[in-house]
């Protein structure tokens, strides 16, 4: 019989980064959402590169990595949101 106490359960360490991105995510993703819309393609190419430019101009305090994280996350949210509405 083992009378030793159970190991303490430690909460998962905070893995999230990019606090500035989280602070502006809603505003920025609404700003760049039109670049992800299928009807806003040019020569059957997406306009994601313009989203990067708009974010850099609007939020010059963000690093290149933060801009990338913001655009990629916004694109994922846009795609997930619009896939659900298209399926309905």
PDB file of N, CA and C in Angstrom:
ATOM      1  N   UNK A   1       0.846  -1.172   0.000  1.00  0.00           N
ATOM      2  CA  UNK A   1       0.000   0.000   0.000  1.00  0.00           C
ATOM      3  C   UNK A   1       0.893   1.237   0.000  1.00  0.00           C
ATOM      4  N   UNK A   2       0.622   2.128  -0.908  1.00  0.00           N
ATOM      5  CA  UNK A   2       1.428   3.326  -1.071  1.00  0.00           C
ATOM      6  C   UNK A   2       0.710   4.495  -0.410  1.00  0.00           C
ATOM      7  N   UNK A   3       1.330   5.071   0.634  1.00  0.00           N
ATOM      8  CA  UNK A   3       0.721   6.190   1.352  1.00  0.00           C
ATOM      9  C   UNK A   3       1.304   7.531   0.930  1.00  0.00           C
ATOM     10  N   UNK A   4       2.078   7.560  -0.130  1.00  0.00           N
ATOM     11  CA  UNK A   4       2.647   8.832  -0.566  1.00  0.00           C
ATOM     12  C   UNK A   4       1.557   9.685  -1.217  1.00  0.00           C
ATOM     13  N   UNK A   5       1.673  10.983  -1.042  1.00  0.00           N
ATOM     14  CA  UNK A   5       0.646  11.856  -1.611  1.00  0.00           C
ATOM     15  C   UNK A   5       0.691  11.827  -3.138  1.00  0.00           C
ATOM     16  N   UNK A   6      -0.452  12.063  -3.725  1.00  0.00           N
ATOM     17  CA  UNK A   6      -0.540  12.113  -5.188  1.00  0.00           C
ATOM     18  C   UNK A   6       0.260  13.306  -5.693  1.00  0.00           C
ATOM     19  N   UNK A   7       0.853  13.190  -6.851  1.00  0.00           N
ATOM     20  CA  UNK A   7       1.611  14.327  -7.380  1.00  0.00           C
ATOM     21  C   UNK A   7       0.683  15.515  -7.625  1.00  0.00           C
ATOM     22  N   UNK A   8       1.212  16.670  -7.364  1.00  0.00           N
ATOM     23  CA  UNK A   8       0.424  17.891  -7.557  1.00  0.00           C
ATOM     24  C   UNK A   8       0.128  18.073  -9.039  1.00  0.00           C
ATOM     25  N   UNK A   9      -1.085  18.436  -9.323  1.00  0.00           N
ATOM     26  CA  UNK A   9      -1.478  18.676 -10.712  1.00  0.00           C
ATOM     27  C   UNK A   9      -1.130  20.120 -11.036  1.00  0.00           C
ATOM     28  N   UNK A  10      -0.261  20.267 -11.991  1.00  0.00           N
ATOM     29  CA  UNK A  10       0.141  21.611 -12.401  1.00  0.00           C
ATOM     30  C   UNK A  10      -0.689  22.043 -13.583  1.00  0.00           C
ATOM     31  N   UNK A  11      -1.164  23.271 -13.583  1.00  0.00           N
ATOM     32  CA  UNK A  11      -1.890  23.750 -14.762  1.00  0.00           C
ATOM     33  C   UNK A  11      -0.933  23.853 -15.945  1.00  0.00           C
ATOM     34  N   UNK A  12      -1.477  23.698 -17.117  1.00  0.00           N
ATOM     35  CA  UNK A  12      -0.647  23.821 -18.309  1.00  0.00           C
ATOM     36  C   UNK A  12      -0.024  25.210 -18.351  1.00  0.00           C
ATOM     37  N   UNK A  13       1.231  25.277 -18.738  1.00  0.00           N
ATOM     38  CA  UNK A  13       1.858  26.596 -18.842  1.00  0.00           C
ATOM     39  C   UNK A  13       1.210  27.392 -19.977  1.00  0.00           C
ATOM     40  N   UNK A  14       1.214  28.668 -19.823  1.00  0.00           N
ATOM     41  CA  UNK A  14       0.636  29.551 -20.840  1.00  0.00           C
ATOM     42  C   UNK A  14       1.463  29.423 -22.116  1.00  0.00           C
ATOM     43  N   UNK A  15       0.851  28.956 -23.179  1.00  0.00           N
ATOM     44  CA  UNK A  15       1.553  28.778 -24.445  1.00  0.00           C
ATOM     45  C   UNK A  15       1.249  29.891 -25.422  1.00  0.00           C
ATOM     46  N   UNK A  16       0.187  30.618 -25.156  1.00  0.00           N
ATOM     47  CA  UNK A  16      -0.183  31.668 -26.100  1.00  0.00           C
ATOM     48  C   UNK A  16       0.823  32.803 -26.053  1.00  0.00           C
ATOM     49  N   UNK A  17       1.067  33.347 -27.207  1.00  0.00           N
ATOM     50  CA  UNK A  17       1.959  34.496 -27.335  1.00  0.00           C
ATOM     51  C   UNK A  17       1.184  35.572 -28.081  1.00  0.00           C
ATOM     52  N   UNK A  18       1.874  36.578 -28.503  1.00  0.00           N
ATOM     53  CA  UNK A  18       1.307  37.599 -29.375  1.00  0.00           C
ATOM     54  C   UNK A  18       0.130  38.330 -28.728  1.00  0.00           C
ATOM     55  N   UNK A  19       0.386  38.898 -27.560  1.00  0.00           N
ATOM     56  CA  UNK A  19      -0.655  39.641 -26.854  1.00  0.00           C
ATOM     57  C   UNK A  19      -1.201  40.794 -27.687  1.00  0.00           C
ATOM     58  N   UNK A  20      -0.318  41.495 -28.398  1.00  0.00           N
ATOM     59  CA  UNK A  20      -0.790  42.625 -29.215  1.00  0.00           C
ATOM     60  C   UNK A  20      -1.726  42.144 -30.314  1.00  0.00           C
ATOM     61  N   UNK A  21      -1.459  40.985 -30.877  1.00  0.00           N
ATOM     62  CA  UNK A  21      -2.322  40.436 -31.924  1.00  0.00           C
ATOM     63  C   UNK A  21      -3.694  40.114 -31.349  1.00  0.00           C
ATOM     64  N   UNK A  22      -3.724  39.521 -30.169  1.00  0.00           N
ATOM     65  CA  UNK A  22      -5.013  39.198 -29.552  1.00  0.00           C
ATOM     66  C   UNK A  22      -5.810  40.449 -29.239  1.00  0.00           C
ATOM     67  N   UNK A  23      -5.124  41.510 -28.855  1.00  0.00           N
ATOM     68  CA  UNK A  23      -5.812  42.754 -28.513  1.00  0.00           C
ATOM     69  C   UNK A  23      -6.517  43.384 -29.701  1.00  0.00           C
ATOM     70  N   UNK A  24      -5.957  43.252 -30.897  1.00  0.00           N
ATOM     71  CA  UNK A  24      -6.529  43.920 -32.074  1.00  0.00           C
ATOM     72  C   UNK A  24      -7.168  42.949 -33.055  1.00  0.00           C
ATOM     73  N   UNK A  25      -7.255  41.680 -32.700  1.00  0.00           N
ATOM     74  CA  UNK A  25      -7.681  40.664 -33.655  1.00  0.00           C
ATOM     75  C   UNK A  25      -9.045  40.956 -34.283  1.00  0.00           C
ATOM     76  N   UNK A  26     -10.039  41.273 -33.485  1.00  0.00           N
ATOM     77  CA  UNK A  26     -11.393  41.496 -34.021  1.00  0.00           C
ATOM     78  C   UNK A  26     -11.412  42.638 -35.026  1.00  0.00           C
ATOM     79  N   UNK A  27     -10.801  43.731 -34.642  1.00  0.00           N
ATOM     80  CA  UNK A  27     -10.776  44.896 -35.526  1.00  0.00           C
ATOM     81  C   UNK A  27      -9.996  44.610 -36.808  1.00  0.00           C
ATOM     82  N   UNK A  28      -8.825  44.030 -36.663  1.00  0.00           N
ATOM     83  CA  UNK A  28      -7.970  43.775 -37.820  1.00  0.00           C
ATOM     84  C   UNK A  28      -8.559  42.723 -38.749  1.00  0.00           C
ATOM     85  N   UNK A  29      -9.150  41.677 -38.186  1.00  0.00           N
ATOM     86  CA  UNK A  29      -9.709  40.636 -39.048  1.00  0.00           C
ATOM     87  C   UNK A  29     -10.907  41.156 -39.827  1.00  0.00           C
ATOM     88  N   UNK A  30     -11.696  42.048 -39.236  1.00  0.00           N
ATOM     89  CA  UNK A  30     -12.803  42.672 -39.979  1.00  0.00           C
ATOM     90  C   UNK A  30     -12.260  43.558 -41.096  1.00  0.00           C
ATOM     91  N   UNK A  31     -11.152  44.212 -40.837  1.00  0.00           N
ATOM     92  CA  UNK A  31     -10.538  45.094 -41.822  1.00  0.00           C
ATOM     93  C   UNK A  31     -10.038  44.339 -43.049  1.00  0.00           C
ATOM     94  N   UNK A  32      -9.477  43.150 -42.843  1.00  0.00           N
ATOM     95  CA  UNK A  32      -8.878  42.421 -43.960  1.00  0.00           C
ATOM     96  C   UNK A  32      -9.754  41.298 -44.505  1.00  0.00           C
ATOM     97  N   UNK A  33     -10.910  41.079 -43.938  1.00  0.00           N
ATOM     98  CA  UNK A  33     -11.799  39.997 -44.401  1.00  0.00           C
ATOM     99  C   UNK A  33     -12.116  40.077 -45.892  1.00  0.00           C
ATOM    100  N   UNK A  34     -12.346  41.256 -46.467  1.00  0.00           N
ATOM    101  CA  UNK A  34     -12.654  41.293 -47.906  1.00  0.00           C
ATOM    102  C   UNK A  34     -11.564  40.700 -48.804  1.00  0.00           C
ATOM    103  N   UNK A  35     -10.338  40.671 -48.336  1.00  0.00           N
ATOM    104  CA  UNK A  35      -9.254  40.105 -49.137  1.00  0.00           C
ATOM    105  C   UNK A  35      -9.346  38.592 -49.250  1.00  0.00           C
ATOM    106  N   UNK A  36     -10.111  37.965 -48.375  1.00  0.00           N
ATOM    107  CA  UNK A  36     -10.248  36.513 -48.392  1.00  0.00           C
ATOM    108  C   UNK A  36     -11.497  36.053 -49.133  1.00  0.00           C
ATOM    109  N   UNK A  37     -12.370  36.973 -49.470  1.00  0.00           N
ATOM    110  CA  UNK A  37     -13.634  36.616 -50.118  1.00  0.00           C
ATOM    111  C   UNK A  37     -13.383  36.064 -51.518  1.00  0.00           C
ATOM    112  N   UNK A  38     -14.045  34.961 -51.868  1.00  0.00           N
ATOM    113  CA  UNK A  38     -13.832  34.348 -53.181  1.00  0.00           C
ATOM    114  C   UNK A  38     -14.199  35.275 -54.341  1.00  0.00           C
ATOM    115  N   UNK A  39     -15.151  36.149 -54.121  1.00  0.00           N
ATOM    116  CA  UNK A  39     -15.559  37.052 -55.204  1.00  0.00           C
ATOM    117  C   UNK A  39     -14.556  38.184 -55.426  1.00  0.00           C
ATOM    118  N   UNK A  40     -13.601  38.339 -54.529  1.00  0.00           N
ATOM    119  CA  UNK A  40     -12.589  39.388 -54.660  1.00  0.00           C
ATOM    120  C   UNK A  40     -11.251  38.829 -55.113  1.00  0.00           C
ATOM    121  N   UNK A  41     -11.286  37.941 -56.067  1.00  0.00           N
ATOM    122  CA  UNK A  41     -10.053  37.389 -56.626  1.00  0.00           C
ATOM    123  C   UNK A  41      -9.665  38.198 -57.860  1.00  0.00           C
ATOM    124  N   UNK A  42      -8.409  38.136 -58.181  1.00  0.00           N
ATOM    125  CA  UNK A  42      -7.920  38.827 -59.368  1.00  0.00           C
ATOM    126  C   UNK A  42      -7.156  37.798 -60.190  1.00  0.00           C
ATOM    127  N   UNK A  43      -7.672  37.496 -61.358  1.00  0.00           N
ATOM    128  CA  UNK A  43      -7.052  36.476 -62.196  1.00  0.00           C
ATOM    129  C   UNK A  43      -7.024  35.128 -61.503  1.00  0.00           C
ATOM    130  N   UNK A  44      -8.073  34.812 -60.765  1.00  0.00           N
ATOM    131  CA  UNK A  44      -8.214  33.581 -60.004  1.00  0.00           C
ATOM    132  C   UNK A  44      -7.140  33.424 -58.929  1.00  0.00           C
ATOM    133  N   UNK A  45      -6.551  34.538 -58.497  1.00  0.00           N
ATOM    134  CA  UNK A  45      -5.573  34.530 -57.406  1.00  0.00           C
ATOM    135  C   UNK A  45      -6.153  35.274 -56.212  1.00  0.00           C
ATOM    136  N   UNK A  46      -5.832  34.786 -55.037  1.00  0.00           N
ATOM    137  CA  UNK A  46      -6.311  35.452 -53.833  1.00  0.00           C
ATOM    138  C   UNK A  46      -5.571  36.769 -53.629  1.00  0.00           C
ATOM    139  N   UNK A  47      -6.114  37.595 -52.779  1.00  0.00           N
ATOM    140  CA  UNK A  47      -5.514  38.899 -52.509  1.00  0.00           C
ATOM    141  C   UNK A  47      -4.901  38.945 -51.109  1.00  0.00           C
ATOM    142  N   UNK A  48      -4.467  37.789 -50.631  1.00  0.00           N
ATOM    143  CA  UNK A  48      -3.890  37.725 -49.289  1.00  0.00           C
ATOM    144  C   UNK A  48      -2.716  38.683 -49.127  1.00  0.00           C
ATOM    145  N   UNK A  49      -1.926  38.842 -50.165  1.00  0.00           N
ATOM    146  CA  UNK A  49      -0.754  39.718 -50.070  1.00  0.00           C
ATOM    147  C   UNK A  49      -1.153  41.150 -49.747  1.00  0.00           C
ATOM    148  N   UNK A  50      -2.342  41.565 -50.182  1.00  0.00           N
ATOM    149  CA  UNK A  50      -2.813  42.906 -49.854  1.00  0.00           C
ATOM    150  C   UNK A  50      -3.230  43.006 -48.392  1.00  0.00           C
ATOM    151  N   UNK A  51      -3.684  41.903 -47.826  1.00  0.00           N
ATOM    152  CA  UNK A  51      -4.021  41.893 -46.399  1.00  0.00           C
ATOM    153  C   UNK A  51      -2.776  42.187 -45.566  1.00  0.00           C
ATOM    154  N   UNK A  52      -1.650  41.608 -45.962  1.00  0.00           N
ATOM    155  CA  UNK A  52      -0.405  41.868 -45.250  1.00  0.00           C
ATOM    156  C   UNK A  52      -0.058  43.352 -45.314  1.00  0.00           C
ATOM    157  N   UNK A  53      -0.213  43.940 -46.462  1.00  0.00           N
ATOM    158  CA  UNK A  53       0.123  45.357 -46.634  1.00  0.00           C
ATOM    159  C   UNK A  53      -0.769  46.243 -45.776  1.00  0.00           C
ATOM    160  N   UNK A  54      -2.060  45.960 -45.780  1.00  0.00           N
ATOM    161  CA  UNK A  54      -3.000  46.768 -44.999  1.00  0.00           C
ATOM    162  C   UNK A  54      -2.690  46.659 -43.506  1.00  0.00           C
ATOM    163  N   UNK A  55      -2.403  45.455 -43.045  1.00  0.00           N
ATOM    164  CA  UNK A  55      -2.096  45.275 -41.621  1.00  0.00           C
ATOM    165  C   UNK A  55      -0.814  46.015 -41.259  1.00  0.00           C
ATOM    166  N   UNK A  56       0.198  45.918 -42.114  1.00  0.00           N
ATOM    167  CA  UNK A  56       1.467  46.625 -41.830  1.00  0.00           C
ATOM    168  C   UNK A  56       1.256  48.129 -41.764  1.00  0.00           C
ATOM    169  N   UNK A  57       0.429  48.659 -42.668  1.00  0.00           N
ATOM    170  CA  UNK A  57       0.187  50.105 -42.677  1.00  0.00           C
ATOM    171  C   UNK A  57      -0.654  50.546 -41.484  1.00  0.00           C
ATOM    172  N   UNK A  58      -1.650  49.753 -41.134  1.00  0.00           N
ATOM    173  CA  UNK A  58      -2.568  50.125 -40.051  1.00  0.00           C
ATOM    174  C   UNK A  58      -1.949  49.923 -38.670  1.00  0.00           C
ATOM    175  N   UNK A  59      -1.115  48.905 -38.527  1.00  0.00           N
ATOM    176  CA  UNK A  59      -0.513  48.565 -37.231  1.00  0.00           C
ATOM    177  C   UNK A  59       1.010  48.487 -37.365  1.00  0.00           C
ATOM    178  N   UNK A  60       1.683  49.618 -37.517  1.00  0.00           N
ATOM    179  CA  UNK A  60       3.137  49.595 -37.731  1.00  0.00           C
ATOM    180  C   UNK A  60       3.921  49.085 -36.524  1.00  0.00           C
ATOM    181  N   UNK A  61       3.300  49.021 -35.360  1.00  0.00           N
ATOM    182  CA  UNK A  61       3.996  48.553 -34.168  1.00  0.00           C
ATOM    183  C   UNK A  61       4.171  47.041 -34.145  1.00  0.00           C
ATOM    184  N   UNK A  62       3.457  46.317 -35.018  1.00  0.00           N
ATOM    185  CA  UNK A  62       3.554  44.860 -35.043  1.00  0.00           C
ATOM    186  C   UNK A  62       4.815  44.415 -35.783  1.00  0.00           C
ATOM    187  N   UNK A  63       5.396  43.342 -35.296  1.00  0.00           N
ATOM    188  CA  UNK A  63       6.545  42.753 -35.985  1.00  0.00           C
ATOM    189  C   UNK A  63       6.038  41.987 -37.212  1.00  0.00           C
ATOM    190  N   UNK A  64       6.962  41.593 -38.065  1.00  0.00           N
ATOM    191  CA  UNK A  64       6.574  40.819 -39.249  1.00  0.00           C
ATOM    192  C   UNK A  64       5.937  39.491 -38.846  1.00  0.00           C
ATOM    193  N   UNK A  65       6.464  38.887 -37.796  1.00  0.00           N
ATOM    194  CA  UNK A  65       5.904  37.626 -37.318  1.00  0.00           C
ATOM    195  C   UNK A  65       4.475  37.824 -36.811  1.00  0.00           C
ATOM    196  N   UNK A  66       4.229  38.909 -36.088  1.00  0.00           N
ATOM    197  CA  UNK A  66       2.885  39.190 -35.580  1.00  0.00           C
ATOM    198  C   UNK A  66       1.907  39.456 -36.721  1.00  0.00           C
ATOM    199  N   UNK A  67       2.366  40.159 -37.741  1.00  0.00           N
ATOM    200  CA  UNK A  67       1.511  40.414 -38.902  1.00  0.00           C
ATOM    201  C   UNK A  67       1.147  39.090 -39.567  1.00  0.00           C
ATOM    202  N   UNK A  68       2.112  38.230 -39.717  1.00  0.00           N
ATOM    203  CA  UNK A  68       1.865  36.926 -40.334  1.00  0.00           C
ATOM    204  C   UNK A  68       0.856  36.118 -39.516  1.00  0.00           C
ATOM    205  N   UNK A  69       1.053  36.072 -38.213  1.00  0.00           N
ATOM    206  CA  UNK A  69       0.141  35.337 -37.335  1.00  0.00           C
ATOM    207  C   UNK A  69      -1.268  35.913 -37.453  1.00  0.00           C
ATOM    208  N   UNK A  70      -1.389  37.212 -37.479  1.00  0.00           N
ATOM    209  CA  UNK A  70      -2.693  37.865 -37.577  1.00  0.00           C
ATOM    210  C   UNK A  70      -3.391  37.540 -38.885  1.00  0.00           C
ATOM    211  N   UNK A  71      -2.685  37.627 -39.994  1.00  0.00           N
ATOM    212  CA  UNK A  71      -3.291  37.361 -41.295  1.00  0.00           C
ATOM    213  C   UNK A  71      -3.681  35.886 -41.422  1.00  0.00           C
ATOM    214  N   UNK A  72      -2.816  34.990 -41.016  1.00  0.00           N
ATOM    215  CA  UNK A  72      -3.117  33.557 -41.115  1.00  0.00           C
ATOM    216  C   UNK A  72      -4.307  33.200 -40.230  1.00  0.00           C
ATOM    217  N   UNK A  73      -4.325  33.698 -39.006  1.00  0.00           N
ATOM    218  CA  UNK A  73      -5.436  33.402 -38.099  1.00  0.00           C
ATOM    219  C   UNK A  73      -6.741  34.003 -38.617  1.00  0.00           C
ATOM    220  N   UNK A  74      -6.679  35.204 -39.150  1.00  0.00           N
ATOM    221  CA  UNK A  74      -7.874  35.836 -39.714  1.00  0.00           C
ATOM    222  C   UNK A  74      -8.404  35.041 -40.900  1.00  0.00           C
ATOM    223  N   UNK A  75      -7.500  34.556 -41.719  1.00  0.00           N
ATOM    224  CA  UNK A  75      -7.905  33.753 -42.875  1.00  0.00           C
ATOM    225  C   UNK A  75      -8.573  32.457 -42.424  1.00  0.00           C
ATOM    226  N   UNK A  76      -8.027  31.829 -41.400  1.00  0.00           N
ATOM    227  CA  UNK A  76      -8.626  30.598 -40.878  1.00  0.00           C
ATOM    228  C   UNK A  76     -10.026  30.855 -40.319  1.00  0.00           C
ATOM    229  N   UNK A  77     -10.172  31.923 -39.571  1.00  0.00           N
ATOM    230  CA  UNK A  77     -11.478  32.258 -38.995  1.00  0.00           C
ATOM    231  C   UNK A  77     -12.467  32.574 -40.112  1.00  0.00           C
ATOM    232  N   UNK A  78     -12.031  33.330 -41.109  1.00  0.00           N
ATOM    233  CA  UNK A  78     -12.899  33.658 -42.240  1.00  0.00           C
ATOM    234  C   UNK A  78     -13.338  32.383 -42.958  1.00  0.00           C
ATOM    235  N   UNK A  79     -12.400  31.494 -43.237  1.00  0.00           N
ATOM    236  CA  UNK A  79     -12.719  30.265 -43.958  1.00  0.00           C
ATOM    237  C   UNK A  79     -13.678  29.383 -43.147  1.00  0.00           C
ATOM    238  N   UNK A  80     -13.433  29.270 -41.847  1.00  0.00           N
ATOM    239  CA  UNK A  80     -14.299  28.443 -41.005  1.00  0.00           C
ATOM    240  C   UNK A  80     -15.693  29.045 -40.907  1.00  0.00           C
ATOM    241  N   UNK A  81     -15.771  30.331 -40.756  1.00  0.00           N
ATOM    242  CA  UNK A  81     -17.062  31.014 -40.637  1.00  0.00           C
ATOM    243  C   UNK A  81     -17.863  30.888 -41.923  1.00  0.00           C
ATOM    244  N   UNK A  82     -17.212  31.097 -43.038  1.00  0.00           N
ATOM    245  CA  UNK A  82     -17.923  31.074 -44.309  1.00  0.00           C
ATOM    246  C   UNK A  82     -18.205  29.649 -44.808  1.00  0.00           C
ATOM    247  N   UNK A  83     -17.440  28.694 -44.350  1.00  0.00           N
ATOM    248  CA  UNK A  83     -17.740  27.293 -44.691  1.00  0.00           C
ATOM    249  C   UNK A  83     -19.007  26.859 -43.970  1.00  0.00           C
ATOM    250  N   UNK A  84     -19.192  27.302 -42.748  1.00  0.00           N
ATOM    251  CA  UNK A  84     -20.402  26.960 -41.981  1.00  0.00           C
ATOM    252  C   UNK A  84     -21.629  27.610 -42.602  1.00  0.00           C
ATOM    253  N   UNK A  85     -21.511  28.870 -43.020  1.00  0.00           N
ATOM    254  CA  UNK A  85     -22.673  29.551 -43.615  1.00  0.00           C
ATOM    255  C   UNK A  85     -22.987  29.010 -44.993  1.00  0.00           C
ATOM    256  N   UNK A  86     -21.970  28.565 -45.739  1.00  0.00           N
ATOM    257  CA  UNK A  86     -22.210  27.994 -47.061  1.00  0.00           C
ATOM    258  C   UNK A  86     -22.882  26.625 -46.954  1.00  0.00           C
ATOM    259  N   UNK A  87     -22.548  25.895 -45.904  1.00  0.00           N
ATOM    260  CA  UNK A  87     -23.136  24.564 -45.702  1.00  0.00           C
ATOM    261  C   UNK A  87     -24.582  24.643 -45.233  1.00  0.00           C
ATOM    262  N   UNK A  88     -24.947  25.756 -44.613  1.00  0.00           N
ATOM    263  CA  UNK A  88     -26.324  25.898 -44.069  1.00  0.00           C
ATOM    264  C   UNK A  88     -27.329  26.246 -45.129  1.00  0.00           C
TER     265      UNK A  88
END
